[in-house]
Amino acid sequence: MKYEVILFDADETLFDFKKSEKQAFENSIREFNMDYDENYHLKVYEEINKNIWLEFEQGLITQKKLKVERFKRLSEKLNTPFDPEEFSNAYIRHLANTSFLYKDSIELIKELSRTYRLAIVTNGLKDVQSKRIGQSIIAEYFETMVISEEVQVSKPNPEIFEIALNRLNFNDKSKVLMIGDSLTSDIKGGINFEIDTCWVNLNKVKNSTSIKPTYEISNLMDIIKILN
């Protein structure tokens, strides 16, 4: 058996984060008594949020600052005054209460847990991820969950993978596979840590970067084929 430990990213790999984000954002906008237009408000926020998480991956902003700064930028972009910190608190509260798995996630994790040791490594906020993931139906199959805000280090920094293996008391990198949807976070991080990687490319987008995963799949269950 080539691998013994499988490290999973959470959002957009096993969990439908876009669905959670959409619901939490709408609830937050309405809580602040704004007339919600999904085609406008959500698109503006998604662009701001995507860019600020890239800044975080590059070490340009801390996770603590990110939580509020994205909504400060949103307020400025919408030209709508509101307290970014209060909005952040509302959004995090709503997001923590949403958890949607992809249709194949449960079957996949149950199947893999019979043979492999599983862990989650996520760039996320502790209050959000510990509840969304920790209370999900698949949580029991993971030996540990490493959350970037909690350990103060994030993907693609190899140190976060070191923390995961230390928690598992496992040190043979040749028997570890990292699975995730982000080339710049999951795959680059795995490469930085010198472990094999599997890019979950559900939308079949073209990889125009220099980051080359060991494997690439467009269907979650294809992981079984790779492992076999």
Foldseek 3Di string as FASTA:
>chain_A
DQAAEEEEADDPQFWPLVVLLLQLLVVLCVVVVHDDDCVPLVVVLVVLLVVVVVCVQVVNDFPVCSLQVSQVVSCVVVVHDDRSVVSSVSSLVSSLPDTGTDPCNVVLLVVCLVRHAYEYEYADDPSRCCRRLVPDPSNVSHPYYQYCVVVVHFFLALVSVVVVCVSVVHDDQSRYEYEEADLRGGQNSNVVNPHAYEHAPLVPDDPPDPRDGPYYDNDSVCVVVVVD
